[in-house]
N, C-alpha and C. Protein backbone atom coordinates (compact mmCIF):
# COMPACT_ATOMS: atom_id res chain seq x y z
N UNK A 1 -12.66 -30.04 -12.08
CA UNK A 1 -11.83 -30.19 -10.59
C UNK A 1 -11.99 -28.66 -10.36
N UNK A 2 -12.37 -27.71 -11.03
CA UNK A 2 -12.20 -26.35 -9.91
C UNK A 2 -13.83 -26.45 -10.30
N UNK A 3 -15.12 -26.68 -9.79
CA UNK A 3 -16.13 -26.56 -10.03
C UNK A 3 -16.52 -25.55 -8.64
N UNK A 4 -15.96 -25.54 -7.66
CA UNK A 4 -16.63 -24.75 -6.65
C UNK A 4 -16.12 -23.19 -6.33
N UNK A 5 -14.64 -23.26 -6.59
CA UNK A 5 -13.98 -21.85 -7.28
C UNK A 5 -13.11 -22.33 -8.09
N UNK A 6 -13.29 -21.45 -9.31
CA UNK A 6 -12.66 -21.54 -10.31
C UNK A 6 -11.41 -20.47 -10.77
N UNK A 7 -10.75 -20.59 -11.67
CA UNK A 7 -9.64 -19.17 -11.90
C UNK A 7 -10.17 -18.83 -12.27
N UNK A 8 -9.82 -17.08 -11.99
CA UNK A 8 -10.16 -15.81 -12.41
C UNK A 8 -8.92 -14.65 -11.79
N UNK A 9 -8.88 -13.95 -12.99
CA UNK A 9 -8.13 -13.08 -13.05
C UNK A 9 -8.14 -11.63 -13.72
N UNK A 10 -7.16 -10.90 -14.20
CA UNK A 10 -7.64 -9.49 -15.05
C UNK A 10 -8.12 -10.06 -16.24
N UNK A 11 -7.26 -11.14 -16.71
CA UNK A 11 -7.58 -11.48 -17.96
C UNK A 11 -7.00 -13.05 -18.43
N UNK A 12 -8.01 -14.04 -18.62
CA UNK A 12 -7.95 -15.15 -18.64
C UNK A 12 -7.21 -15.41 -19.53
N UNK A 13 -6.44 -14.93 -20.68
CA UNK A 13 -5.82 -15.51 -20.88
C UNK A 13 -4.24 -15.41 -20.75
N UNK A 14 -4.22 -14.60 -19.54
CA UNK A 14 -2.78 -14.24 -19.12
C UNK A 14 -2.72 -15.27 -17.44
N UNK A 15 -3.30 -15.55 -17.16
CA UNK A 15 -3.35 -16.30 -15.65
C UNK A 15 -2.81 -17.52 -15.84
N UNK A 16 -2.48 -18.34 -15.09
CA UNK A 16 -1.96 -19.66 -14.98
C UNK A 16 -2.40 -20.59 -14.12
N UNK A 17 -2.06 -21.61 -14.24
CA UNK A 17 -2.18 -22.65 -13.21
C UNK A 17 -0.63 -23.27 -12.98
N UNK A 18 -0.48 -24.25 -12.02
CA UNK A 18 0.76 -25.00 -11.79
C UNK A 18 0.49 -26.52 -11.15
N UNK A 19 1.00 -27.37 -12.08
CA UNK A 19 0.88 -28.99 -11.04
C UNK A 19 2.12 -29.51 -11.08
N UNK A 20 2.73 -29.66 -9.58
CA UNK A 20 4.09 -29.43 -9.70
C UNK A 20 4.40 -30.99 -9.92
N UNK A 21 5.72 -31.24 -10.55
CA UNK A 21 5.96 -32.67 -10.57
C UNK A 21 5.72 -33.46 -9.26
N UNK A 22 4.93 -34.40 -9.44
CA UNK A 22 5.04 -35.78 -8.63
C UNK A 22 4.15 -35.32 -7.26
N UNK A 23 3.04 -34.57 -7.67
CA UNK A 23 2.21 -33.78 -6.81
C UNK A 23 0.76 -34.47 -7.39
N UNK A 24 -0.17 -34.15 -6.53
CA UNK A 24 -1.63 -34.31 -6.96
C UNK A 24 -2.01 -33.01 -6.69
N UNK A 25 -1.31 -32.22 -6.11
CA UNK A 25 -1.93 -30.84 -6.07
C UNK A 25 -1.88 -30.15 -7.57
N UNK A 26 -3.02 -29.36 -7.69
CA UNK A 26 -3.13 -28.34 -8.53
C UNK A 26 -3.79 -26.70 -7.94
N UNK A 27 -2.86 -25.79 -7.90
CA UNK A 27 -2.46 -24.36 -7.37
C UNK A 27 -3.11 -23.54 -9.19
N UNK A 28 -3.84 -22.93 -8.18
CA UNK A 28 -4.27 -21.89 -9.28
C UNK A 28 -4.92 -20.58 -8.34
N UNK A 29 -5.10 -19.65 -9.14
CA UNK A 29 -5.31 -18.23 -8.70
C UNK A 29 -7.11 -17.83 -8.98
N UNK A 30 -7.81 -17.27 -7.72
CA UNK A 30 -9.02 -16.86 -8.06
C UNK A 30 -8.81 -15.12 -7.40
N UNK A 31 -8.85 -14.08 -8.45
CA UNK A 31 -8.21 -13.07 -8.23
C UNK A 31 -7.12 -13.12 -7.12
N UNK A 32 -7.34 -12.65 -5.85
CA UNK A 32 -6.30 -11.75 -4.88
C UNK A 32 -6.05 -13.44 -4.41
N UNK A 33 -6.50 -14.74 -4.42
CA UNK A 33 -6.24 -15.63 -3.56
C UNK A 33 -5.61 -16.86 -4.16
N UNK A 34 -5.05 -17.83 -3.57
CA UNK A 34 -4.21 -18.52 -4.26
C UNK A 34 -4.18 -19.77 -3.65
N UNK A 35 -5.10 -20.48 -4.52
CA UNK A 35 -5.83 -22.21 -4.04
C UNK A 35 -4.79 -23.23 -4.53
N UNK A 36 -5.24 -24.15 -3.83
CA UNK A 36 -4.84 -25.61 -4.59
C UNK A 36 -5.74 -26.48 -4.24
N UNK A 37 -6.06 -27.54 -4.78
CA UNK A 37 -7.14 -28.95 -5.05
C UNK A 37 -6.51 -29.83 -5.30
N UNK A 38 -7.01 -31.19 -5.08
CA UNK A 38 -6.41 -32.46 -5.39
C UNK A 38 -7.09 -32.57 -7.11
N UNK A 39 -6.29 -33.23 -7.64
CA UNK A 39 -6.26 -33.49 -9.24
C UNK A 39 -8.02 -34.33 -9.40
N UNK A 40 -8.11 -34.56 -8.08
CA UNK A 40 -9.15 -35.38 -8.79
C UNK A 40 -10.71 -34.50 -8.12
N UNK A 41 -10.26 -33.32 -7.79
CA UNK A 41 -11.05 -32.27 -7.40
C UNK A 41 -11.77 -32.21 -5.92
N UNK A 42 -10.93 -33.10 -5.11
CA UNK A 42 -11.37 -32.45 -3.79
C UNK A 42 -10.06 -32.34 -2.96
N UNK A 43 -10.43 -31.63 -1.34
CA UNK A 43 -9.63 -31.05 -1.10
C UNK A 43 -9.20 -29.46 -0.96
N UNK A 44 -10.12 -28.47 -1.50
CA UNK A 44 -9.79 -27.04 -1.88
C UNK A 44 -9.48 -26.75 -0.55
N UNK A 45 -8.01 -25.79 -0.62
CA UNK A 45 -7.33 -25.28 0.27
C UNK A 45 -7.13 -23.66 0.05
N UNK A 46 -7.12 -22.73 0.59
CA UNK A 46 -6.50 -21.33 0.76
C UNK A 46 -5.36 -21.76 0.94
N UNK A 47 -4.46 -21.12 -0.13
CA UNK A 47 -2.92 -21.39 0.36
C UNK A 47 -2.63 -20.02 0.48
N UNK A 48 -2.89 -19.03 -0.04
CA UNK A 48 -2.29 -17.33 -0.05
C UNK A 48 -3.21 -16.32 0.13
N UNK A 49 -3.13 -15.09 0.73
CA UNK A 49 -3.96 -14.10 -0.07
C UNK A 49 -3.20 -13.13 -0.15
N UNK A 50 -3.53 -12.01 -1.21
CA UNK A 50 -2.35 -11.11 -1.24
C UNK A 50 -2.83 -9.81 0.31
N UNK A 51 -1.97 -9.06 0.68
CA UNK A 51 -2.49 -8.13 1.49
C UNK A 51 -2.48 -7.37 1.40
N UNK A 52 -2.51 -6.38 -0.13
CA UNK A 52 -3.06 -5.47 -0.52
C UNK A 52 -4.27 -5.16 -1.43
N UNK A 53 -4.51 -6.46 -1.86
CA UNK A 53 -6.02 -6.61 -2.62
C UNK A 53 -5.42 -6.59 -3.80
N UNK A 54 -4.28 -7.13 -4.45
CA UNK A 54 -3.10 -7.14 -5.68
C UNK A 54 -4.21 -8.83 -6.42
N UNK A 55 -4.18 -8.86 -7.57
CA UNK A 55 -4.50 -9.79 -7.82
C UNK A 55 -3.29 -11.14 -8.28
N UNK A 56 -3.53 -12.22 -7.97
CA UNK A 56 -2.10 -13.25 -8.53
C UNK A 56 -2.45 -13.81 -9.56
N UNK A 57 -1.34 -13.58 -10.50
CA UNK A 57 -1.98 -13.99 -12.20
C UNK A 57 -1.07 -15.44 -12.47
N UNK A 58 -0.04 -15.73 -12.01
CA UNK A 58 0.87 -16.54 -12.39
C UNK A 58 1.86 -17.51 -10.74
N UNK A 59 1.97 -18.59 -11.06
CA UNK A 59 2.75 -18.82 -9.92
C UNK A 59 3.42 -20.39 -10.22
N UNK A 60 4.37 -20.57 -9.50
CA UNK A 60 5.49 -21.48 -10.01
C UNK A 60 5.77 -22.12 -8.24
N UNK A 61 5.16 -23.05 -8.06
CA UNK A 61 5.31 -24.46 -6.79
C UNK A 61 6.61 -25.33 -6.69
N UNK A 62 7.30 -24.86 -5.70
CA UNK A 62 8.04 -26.47 -5.39
C UNK A 62 7.67 -26.94 -3.89
N UNK A 63 7.08 -27.95 -4.00
CA UNK A 63 6.62 -28.86 -2.62
C UNK A 63 7.86 -28.77 -1.95
N UNK A 64 8.73 -29.65 -2.36
CA UNK A 64 9.89 -30.19 -1.83
C UNK A 64 10.58 -29.15 -0.69
N UNK A 65 10.37 -28.12 -1.26
CA UNK A 65 11.29 -26.52 -0.65
C UNK A 65 10.04 -25.88 -0.14
N UNK A 66 9.17 -26.25 -0.03
CA UNK A 66 7.71 -25.03 0.23
C UNK A 66 7.75 -23.78 -0.09
N UNK A 67 8.24 -23.64 -1.25
CA UNK A 67 8.59 -22.64 -1.90
C UNK A 67 7.65 -22.35 -2.82
N UNK A 68 6.86 -20.93 -3.32
CA UNK A 68 6.49 -20.31 -4.18
C UNK A 68 6.89 -19.24 -4.98
N UNK A 69 6.81 -19.20 -6.00
CA UNK A 69 7.14 -17.77 -6.62
C UNK A 69 5.37 -17.25 -7.42
N UNK A 70 5.53 -16.05 -6.96
CA UNK A 70 4.18 -15.40 -7.51
C UNK A 70 4.17 -14.59 -8.42
N UNK A 71 3.39 -13.90 -9.16
CA UNK A 71 3.60 -12.70 -10.18
C UNK A 71 2.30 -12.07 -9.66
N UNK A 72 1.87 -10.66 -9.03
CA UNK A 72 0.41 -10.36 -9.04
C UNK A 72 0.97 -8.80 -9.52
N UNK A 73 -0.48 -8.35 -10.07
CA UNK A 73 -0.41 -7.09 -10.66
C UNK A 73 -2.09 -6.25 -10.34
N UNK A 74 -2.47 -5.36 -11.24
CA UNK A 74 -3.36 -4.71 -10.92
C UNK A 74 -4.30 -5.05 -11.63
N UNK A 75 -6.19 -4.68 -11.81
CA UNK A 75 -7.01 -5.04 -12.41
C UNK A 75 -6.61 -5.12 -14.12
N UNK A 76 -5.82 -4.16 -14.45
CA UNK A 76 -5.57 -3.57 -16.09
C UNK A 76 -4.20 -4.66 -16.46
N UNK A 77 -3.66 -5.55 -15.26
CA UNK A 77 -2.05 -6.40 -15.53
C UNK A 77 -1.05 -5.35 -14.92
N UNK A 78 -1.08 -4.09 -14.40
CA UNK A 78 0.50 -3.35 -14.38
C UNK A 78 0.58 -3.23 -12.81
N UNK A 79 1.85 -2.44 -12.33
CA UNK A 79 1.72 -2.20 -11.35
C UNK A 79 2.57 -3.66 -10.53
N UNK A 80 3.03 -4.35 -11.26
CA UNK A 80 3.69 -6.05 -11.31
C UNK A 80 4.32 -6.31 -10.14
N UNK A 81 4.33 -6.99 -9.56
CA UNK A 81 5.44 -7.86 -8.58
C UNK A 81 5.61 -8.96 -8.88
N UNK A 82 6.77 -9.46 -8.84
CA UNK A 82 7.23 -10.54 -9.08
C UNK A 82 8.43 -11.28 -6.99
N UNK A 83 7.87 -12.03 -6.53
CA UNK A 83 8.51 -12.31 -5.23
C UNK A 83 8.13 -13.57 -4.99
N UNK A 84 8.72 -14.40 -3.94
CA UNK A 84 8.41 -15.57 -3.26
C UNK A 84 7.86 -15.88 -1.91
N UNK A 85 7.78 -16.94 -1.54
CA UNK A 85 6.62 -16.61 -0.19
C UNK A 85 6.98 -18.48 -0.10
N UNK A 86 7.05 -18.93 1.38
CA UNK A 86 7.27 -19.88 1.86
C UNK A 86 5.60 -20.41 2.21
N UNK A 87 5.36 -21.59 2.34
CA UNK A 87 3.59 -21.86 2.45
C UNK A 87 3.06 -21.47 3.45
N UNK A 88 4.17 -20.79 4.78
CA UNK A 88 3.13 -20.22 5.72
C UNK A 88 2.63 -18.42 5.20
N UNK A 89 3.16 -18.14 3.89
CA UNK A 89 2.93 -16.99 3.89
C UNK A 89 3.59 -15.61 3.71
N UNK A 90 4.81 -16.22 4.55
CA UNK A 90 5.91 -15.32 4.57
C UNK A 90 7.04 -15.00 3.29
N UNK A 91 7.25 -13.37 3.03
CA UNK A 91 7.81 -13.27 1.55
C UNK A 91 9.25 -13.39 2.24
N UNK A 92 10.26 -14.01 1.04
CA UNK A 92 11.46 -14.63 0.98
C UNK A 92 12.05 -13.71 0.23
N UNK A 93 11.65 -13.24 -0.58
CA UNK A 93 12.36 -12.55 -1.67
C UNK A 93 11.45 -11.62 -2.48
N UNK A 94 11.90 -10.41 -3.17
CA UNK A 94 11.44 -9.33 -3.80
C UNK A 94 12.04 -9.57 -5.03
N UNK A 95 11.35 -10.39 -6.50
CA UNK A 95 12.41 -9.82 -7.57
C UNK A 95 12.41 -8.92 -8.35
N UNK A 96 11.08 -8.27 -8.68
CA UNK A 96 10.74 -7.60 -9.31
C UNK A 96 9.48 -6.97 -8.34
N UNK A 97 9.47 -5.33 -8.89
CA UNK A 97 7.91 -4.23 -8.36
C UNK A 97 8.89 -2.99 -8.78
N UNK A 98 7.70 -2.29 -8.06
CA UNK A 98 7.76 -0.70 -8.85
C UNK A 98 8.24 -0.14 -10.27
N UNK A 99 8.39 -1.46 -11.28
CA UNK A 99 8.37 -0.63 -12.60
C UNK A 99 7.04 -0.94 -13.55
N UNK A 100 6.86 0.26 -14.29
CA UNK A 100 5.70 0.24 -15.28
C UNK A 100 6.01 -0.74 -16.45
N UNK A 101 4.94 -1.27 -17.05
CA UNK A 101 4.85 -2.51 -17.63
C UNK A 101 4.82 -3.57 -17.74
N UNK A 102 4.72 -4.46 -18.75
CA UNK A 102 4.23 -5.77 -18.28
C UNK A 102 4.91 -7.14 -18.27
N UNK A 103 4.21 -7.69 -17.27
CA UNK A 103 5.39 -9.20 -17.25
C UNK A 103 4.31 -10.08 -17.22
N UNK A 104 4.94 -11.30 -18.09
CA UNK A 104 4.15 -12.54 -18.26
C UNK A 104 4.96 -13.56 -18.42
N UNK A 105 4.99 -14.69 -17.59
CA UNK A 105 5.64 -16.21 -18.09
C UNK A 105 6.27 -15.85 -16.47
N UNK A 106 6.42 -17.08 -15.99
CA UNK A 106 6.74 -17.20 -14.45
C UNK A 106 7.28 -18.68 -14.37
N UNK A 107 8.31 -19.09 -14.04
CA UNK A 107 8.75 -20.37 -13.85
C UNK A 107 9.90 -20.54 -13.36
N UNK A 108 10.11 -21.25 -12.04
CA UNK A 108 11.43 -21.53 -10.87
C UNK A 108 12.00 -22.96 -11.31
N UNK A 109 13.31 -22.40 -11.12
CA UNK A 109 14.18 -24.00 -11.07
C UNK A 109 13.44 -24.72 -10.05
N UNK A 110 14.20 -26.23 -10.32
CA UNK A 110 14.30 -26.96 -9.12
C UNK A 110 14.44 -26.75 -7.86
N UNK A 111 15.74 -26.35 -7.83
CA UNK A 111 16.65 -25.90 -6.84
C UNK A 111 15.84 -24.27 -5.73
N UNK A 112 15.26 -24.02 -7.17
CA UNK A 112 14.60 -22.60 -6.52
C UNK A 112 15.38 -21.47 -6.52
N UNK A 113 16.81 -21.45 -7.19
CA UNK A 113 18.15 -20.55 -6.94
C UNK A 113 17.49 -19.45 -8.23
N UNK A 114 16.69 -20.51 -9.19
CA UNK A 114 16.69 -19.45 -10.43
C UNK A 114 15.20 -19.40 -11.04
N UNK A 115 14.92 -17.71 -11.06
CA UNK A 115 13.11 -18.14 -11.62
C UNK A 115 13.32 -16.78 -12.86
N UNK A 116 12.70 -17.52 -14.13
CA UNK A 116 12.88 -16.74 -15.22
C UNK A 116 11.06 -16.40 -15.31
N UNK A 117 11.16 -15.02 -16.30
CA UNK A 117 10.07 -14.32 -16.58
C UNK A 117 10.15 -13.34 -17.63
N UNK A 118 8.94 -13.15 -18.07
CA UNK A 118 9.72 -12.09 -19.44
C UNK A 118 8.44 -10.63 -19.07
N UNK A 119 9.27 -9.61 -19.57
CA UNK A 119 9.13 -8.49 -19.17
C UNK A 119 9.07 -7.36 -20.48
N UNK A 120 8.11 -6.39 -20.56
CA UNK A 120 8.47 -5.37 -21.57
C UNK A 120 9.24 -4.48 -21.08
N UNK A 121 10.23 -4.26 -21.96
CA UNK A 121 11.59 -3.35 -21.45
C UNK A 121 10.86 -1.71 -21.69
N UNK A 122 10.06 -1.71 -22.41
CA UNK A 122 9.69 -0.21 -22.80
C UNK A 122 8.75 0.29 -21.33
N UNK A 123 7.84 -0.30 -20.57
CA UNK A 123 7.44 0.13 -19.82
C UNK A 123 6.00 0.35 -19.84
N UNK A 124 5.93 0.25 -21.49
CA UNK A 124 4.42 0.78 -21.92
C UNK A 124 3.24 -0.02 -20.91
N UNK A 125 1.90 0.76 -20.82
CA UNK A 125 1.14 0.15 -20.02
C UNK A 125 -0.40 0.90 -21.34
N UNK A 126 -1.42 0.12 -21.42
CA UNK A 126 -2.20 0.37 -22.68
C UNK A 126 -3.38 -0.35 -21.98
N UNK A 127 -4.75 -0.12 -22.62
CA UNK A 127 -5.70 -0.45 -22.57
C UNK A 127 -6.00 -1.89 -22.40
N UNK A 128 -5.49 -2.23 -24.09
CA UNK A 128 -5.38 -3.55 -24.78
C UNK A 128 -4.26 -4.55 -24.32
N UNK A 129 -3.54 -4.12 -23.59
CA UNK A 129 -2.11 -5.01 -22.85
C UNK A 129 -1.41 -4.99 -23.70
N UNK A 130 -1.00 -4.93 -24.95
CA UNK A 130 0.10 -4.51 -25.86
C UNK A 130 1.18 -4.33 -25.27
N UNK A 131 2.26 -5.13 -25.75
CA UNK A 131 3.62 -5.51 -25.56
C UNK A 131 4.61 -5.06 -26.30
N UNK A 132 5.25 -4.26 -26.19
CA UNK A 132 6.17 -4.13 -27.55
C UNK A 132 7.39 -4.27 -27.70
N UNK A 133 8.33 -4.94 -26.27
CA UNK A 133 9.24 -5.39 -26.56
C UNK A 133 9.87 -5.93 -25.39
N UNK A 134 9.04 -7.27 -25.30
CA UNK A 134 8.96 -7.95 -24.05
C UNK A 134 10.39 -9.35 -23.89
N UNK A 135 10.77 -9.46 -22.77
CA UNK A 135 12.30 -10.00 -23.42
C UNK A 135 12.46 -11.00 -21.97
N UNK A 136 13.24 -11.89 -21.97
CA UNK A 136 12.92 -12.85 -20.88
C UNK A 136 14.59 -12.33 -20.11
N UNK A 137 14.35 -12.41 -19.02
CA UNK A 137 15.06 -12.47 -17.53
C UNK A 137 15.45 -13.54 -16.81
N UNK A 138 16.42 -14.04 -16.50
CA UNK A 138 16.42 -14.74 -15.33
C UNK A 138 17.14 -14.21 -13.79
N UNK A 139 16.32 -14.55 -13.17
CA UNK A 139 16.84 -13.94 -11.98
C UNK A 139 17.51 -14.89 -11.05
N UNK A 140 19.02 -15.00 -10.54
CA UNK A 140 19.65 -15.90 -9.56
C UNK A 140 19.28 -15.25 -8.00
N UNK A 141 18.99 -16.25 -7.11
CA UNK A 141 18.65 -15.92 -6.06
C UNK A 141 19.75 -15.82 -5.39
N UNK A 142 20.98 -16.38 -5.72
CA UNK A 142 22.24 -16.70 -4.94
C UNK A 142 23.28 -15.35 -5.03
N UNK A 143 22.85 -14.80 -6.38
CA UNK A 143 23.94 -13.56 -6.80
C UNK A 143 23.31 -12.37 -6.59
N UNK A 144 21.51 -12.60 -6.26
CA UNK A 144 20.88 -11.75 -6.30
C UNK A 144 21.12 -10.69 -7.72
N UNK A 145 20.90 -11.40 -8.77
CA UNK A 145 21.09 -10.32 -10.02
C UNK A 145 20.41 -10.70 -11.11
N UNK A 146 19.90 -10.07 -12.02
CA UNK A 146 19.32 -10.28 -13.09
C UNK A 146 19.76 -10.17 -14.35
N UNK A 147 19.57 -11.24 -15.43
CA UNK A 147 20.39 -11.25 -16.41
C UNK A 147 19.37 -11.35 -17.90
N UNK A 148 19.46 -10.62 -18.60
CA UNK A 148 18.80 -10.70 -20.15
C UNK A 148 19.22 -12.01 -20.64
N UNK A 149 18.01 -12.72 -21.50
CA UNK A 149 18.32 -14.13 -22.00
C UNK A 149 17.68 -13.87 -23.44
N UNK A 150 17.57 -12.73 -24.02
CA UNK A 150 16.81 -12.66 -25.30
C UNK A 150 17.61 -11.49 -26.58
N UNK A 151 18.95 -12.42 -26.44
CA UNK A 151 19.97 -11.57 -27.00
C UNK A 151 19.49 -11.66 -28.54
N UNK A 152 19.17 -12.83 -29.13
CA UNK A 152 18.70 -13.00 -30.27
C UNK A 152 17.57 -12.65 -30.73
N UNK A 153 16.77 -12.31 -29.73
CA UNK A 153 15.27 -11.50 -30.49
C UNK A 153 15.06 -10.41 -31.73
N UNK A 154 14.34 -10.71 -32.45
CA UNK A 154 14.15 -9.86 -33.84
C UNK A 154 13.50 -8.89 -33.04
N UNK A 155 13.54 -7.64 -33.67
CA UNK A 155 13.15 -6.38 -33.46
C UNK A 155 11.77 -6.13 -33.69
N UNK A 156 10.89 -5.80 -33.19
CA UNK A 156 9.28 -6.12 -33.39
C UNK A 156 8.94 -7.41 -33.00
N UNK A 157 9.12 -8.12 -32.16
CA UNK A 157 8.49 -8.84 -31.33
C UNK A 157 8.87 -9.03 -30.19
N UNK A 158 8.02 -10.07 -29.78
CA UNK A 158 7.99 -10.35 -27.85
C UNK A 158 8.57 -11.62 -27.65
N UNK A 159 9.23 -12.18 -26.94
CA UNK A 159 9.68 -13.19 -25.88
C UNK A 159 8.74 -13.77 -25.05
N UNK A 160 7.62 -14.50 -25.05
CA UNK A 160 6.96 -14.35 -24.10
C UNK A 160 6.88 -16.15 -23.34
N UNK A 161 6.17 -16.66 -22.32
CA UNK A 161 5.69 -17.43 -21.62
C UNK A 161 6.99 -18.61 -21.70
N UNK A 162 7.96 -17.77 -21.21
CA UNK A 162 9.02 -18.80 -20.88
C UNK A 162 9.02 -20.04 -19.89
N UNK A 163 9.47 -20.94 -19.79
CA UNK A 163 9.79 -21.91 -18.50
C UNK A 163 10.95 -22.56 -18.98
N UNK A 164 11.50 -23.47 -17.76
CA UNK A 164 12.62 -24.30 -18.13
C UNK A 164 12.44 -25.80 -18.98
N UNK A 165 13.20 -25.94 -19.55
CA UNK A 165 13.13 -27.43 -20.21
C UNK A 165 13.42 -28.45 -19.21
N UNK A 166 13.09 -29.61 -19.13
CA UNK A 166 13.18 -30.53 -18.11
C UNK A 166 14.28 -30.64 -17.44
N UNK A 167 15.90 -30.85 -18.21
CA UNK A 167 16.84 -30.75 -17.46
C UNK A 167 17.56 -29.47 -16.87
N UNK A 168 16.84 -28.42 -17.26
CA UNK A 168 16.81 -27.05 -16.75
C UNK A 168 18.14 -26.77 -17.67
N UNK A 169 18.76 -27.30 -18.80
CA UNK A 169 19.98 -26.66 -19.70
C UNK A 169 18.74 -25.35 -20.30
N UNK A 170 18.02 -25.48 -20.92
CA UNK A 170 17.28 -24.56 -21.36
C UNK A 170 16.50 -23.84 -21.08
N UNK A 171 15.88 -22.96 -21.94
CA UNK A 171 14.49 -22.47 -21.79
C UNK A 171 14.01 -22.20 -22.76
N UNK A 172 12.40 -22.75 -22.61
CA UNK A 172 11.76 -22.98 -23.83
C UNK A 172 10.82 -21.90 -23.82
N UNK A 173 10.46 -20.99 -25.04
CA UNK A 173 9.53 -19.48 -24.84
C UNK A 173 9.08 -19.61 -26.33
N UNK A 174 7.78 -18.50 -26.68
CA UNK A 174 7.04 -18.18 -27.20
C UNK A 174 7.42 -17.13 -27.83
N UNK A 175 7.92 -16.88 -29.23
CA UNK A 175 8.00 -15.49 -29.66
C UNK A 175 7.29 -14.99 -31.19
N UNK A 176 6.94 -13.91 -30.46
CA UNK A 176 5.55 -13.70 -32.09
C UNK A 176 5.70 -11.94 -32.24
N UNK A 177 5.19 -11.46 -33.28
CA UNK A 177 5.19 -10.05 -33.27
C UNK A 177 4.59 -9.48 -32.55
N UNK A 178 4.77 -8.37 -32.17
CA UNK A 178 4.58 -7.29 -30.95
C UNK A 178 3.06 -7.02 -31.41
N UNK A 179 2.25 -7.07 -33.05
CA UNK A 179 1.32 -6.58 -33.14
C UNK A 179 -0.12 -7.44 -32.39
N UNK A 180 0.40 -8.33 -31.56
CA UNK A 180 -0.40 -9.51 -30.73
C UNK A 180 -1.53 -10.22 -31.75
N UNK A 181 -1.45 -10.21 -32.91
CA UNK A 181 -2.26 -10.93 -33.88
C UNK A 181 -1.55 -11.76 -34.49
N UNK A 182 -0.16 -11.82 -35.15
CA UNK A 182 0.21 -12.71 -35.60
C UNK A 182 1.23 -14.22 -35.44
N UNK A 183 1.16 -15.13 -36.27
CA UNK A 183 1.83 -16.34 -35.70
C UNK A 183 2.62 -16.65 -34.61
N UNK A 184 2.23 -17.65 -33.54
CA UNK A 184 2.82 -17.44 -32.70
C UNK A 184 4.07 -18.84 -33.03
N UNK A 185 5.23 -18.89 -32.50
CA UNK A 185 6.61 -19.72 -32.85
C UNK A 185 7.59 -19.97 -31.25
N UNK A 186 7.69 -21.44 -31.25
CA UNK A 186 8.06 -21.90 -30.02
C UNK A 186 9.89 -22.34 -30.19
N UNK A 187 10.19 -21.62 -29.72
CA UNK A 187 11.72 -21.02 -29.50
C UNK A 187 12.55 -22.07 -28.62
N UNK A 188 13.81 -22.67 -28.24
CA UNK A 188 14.22 -23.13 -26.98
C UNK A 188 15.79 -22.36 -27.25
N UNK A 189 16.36 -22.35 -26.20
CA UNK A 189 17.53 -21.51 -26.06
C UNK A 189 18.11 -21.80 -24.86
N UNK A 190 19.69 -22.02 -24.36
CA UNK A 190 20.63 -22.20 -23.58
C UNK A 190 20.21 -20.96 -22.46
N UNK A 191 20.22 -21.77 -20.84
CA UNK A 191 20.48 -20.82 -19.83
C UNK A 191 21.73 -20.03 -20.00
N UNK A 192 22.52 -20.21 -20.27
CA UNK A 192 23.65 -19.09 -20.26
C UNK A 192 23.38 -18.22 -21.73
N UNK A 193 21.97 -18.15 -22.24
CA UNK A 193 22.14 -16.70 -23.39
C UNK A 193 22.61 -17.72 -24.78
N UNK A 194 22.90 -18.53 -25.31
CA UNK A 194 23.49 -18.84 -26.30
C UNK A 194 22.73 -20.00 -27.27
N UNK A 195 22.21 -19.90 -28.28
CA UNK A 195 21.61 -20.30 -29.36
C UNK A 195 20.19 -20.26 -29.28
N UNK A 196 19.60 -20.29 -30.22
CA UNK A 196 18.24 -19.48 -30.03
C UNK A 196 17.73 -20.34 -31.17
N UNK A 197 16.84 -21.78 -30.80
CA UNK A 197 16.17 -22.61 -32.13
C UNK A 197 14.84 -22.45 -31.69
N UNK A 198 14.36 -22.43 -33.31
CA UNK A 198 12.66 -22.81 -33.60
C UNK A 198 12.54 -24.16 -33.61
N UNK A 199 11.77 -24.28 -32.84
CA UNK A 199 11.49 -25.44 -32.59
C UNK A 199 9.85 -26.33 -33.07
N UNK A 200 8.80 -25.48 -32.98
CA UNK A 200 7.62 -25.71 -33.21
C UNK A 200 7.11 -23.82 -34.02
N UNK A 201 6.83 -24.11 -35.16
CA UNK A 201 6.02 -22.86 -35.49
C UNK A 201 4.21 -22.98 -35.10
N UNK A 202 3.63 -22.23 -35.43
CA UNK A 202 2.37 -22.01 -35.24
C UNK A 202 1.86 -22.42 -33.86
N UNK A 203 2.70 -21.94 -32.73
CA UNK A 203 2.19 -22.70 -31.67
C UNK A 203 2.80 -21.98 -30.59
N UNK A 204 2.38 -22.26 -29.67
CA UNK A 204 2.61 -21.25 -28.06
C UNK A 204 2.74 -22.39 -26.76
């Protein structure tokens, strides 16, 4: 599908694509540019390009509302910014910026009013991109507030790659030791922060 321009970024294990529901368009980043292409490999389009040269690593797209949530970073994966834009490239809101440390995982609700992501609260920055205490946060666009959802996380682990469940009553995420090499497991938890259930072992 992406034979002419391919997904690329600071770390291929840390960049994502997005295929919105009921859409035939797949969105992906190549360094500082966001593209979309038909699921048949036709109709490549440049959607957005960062103005400061920062790299686009993750995106969540709502074609009905014409809103895109983006995560950008530098070549090392840091200097992170999480923000929303419209399809004309105009910035709507900045959710996260000017903080040290890694952010990974990004998903936007159907209403576009809630966005979840994972952030290493230690602010650690290292060449191997190790995260020490990543927790899931939800940002409410209406209330303009950020709430932590990793209340039941075990010490020494990271909550990563959060996404909304299909009915958006829960979040689904990966938990693993912060050593970066141990087994990964998938958990589900209510968006109100209650409950924390293991649903799949040795998976992400």
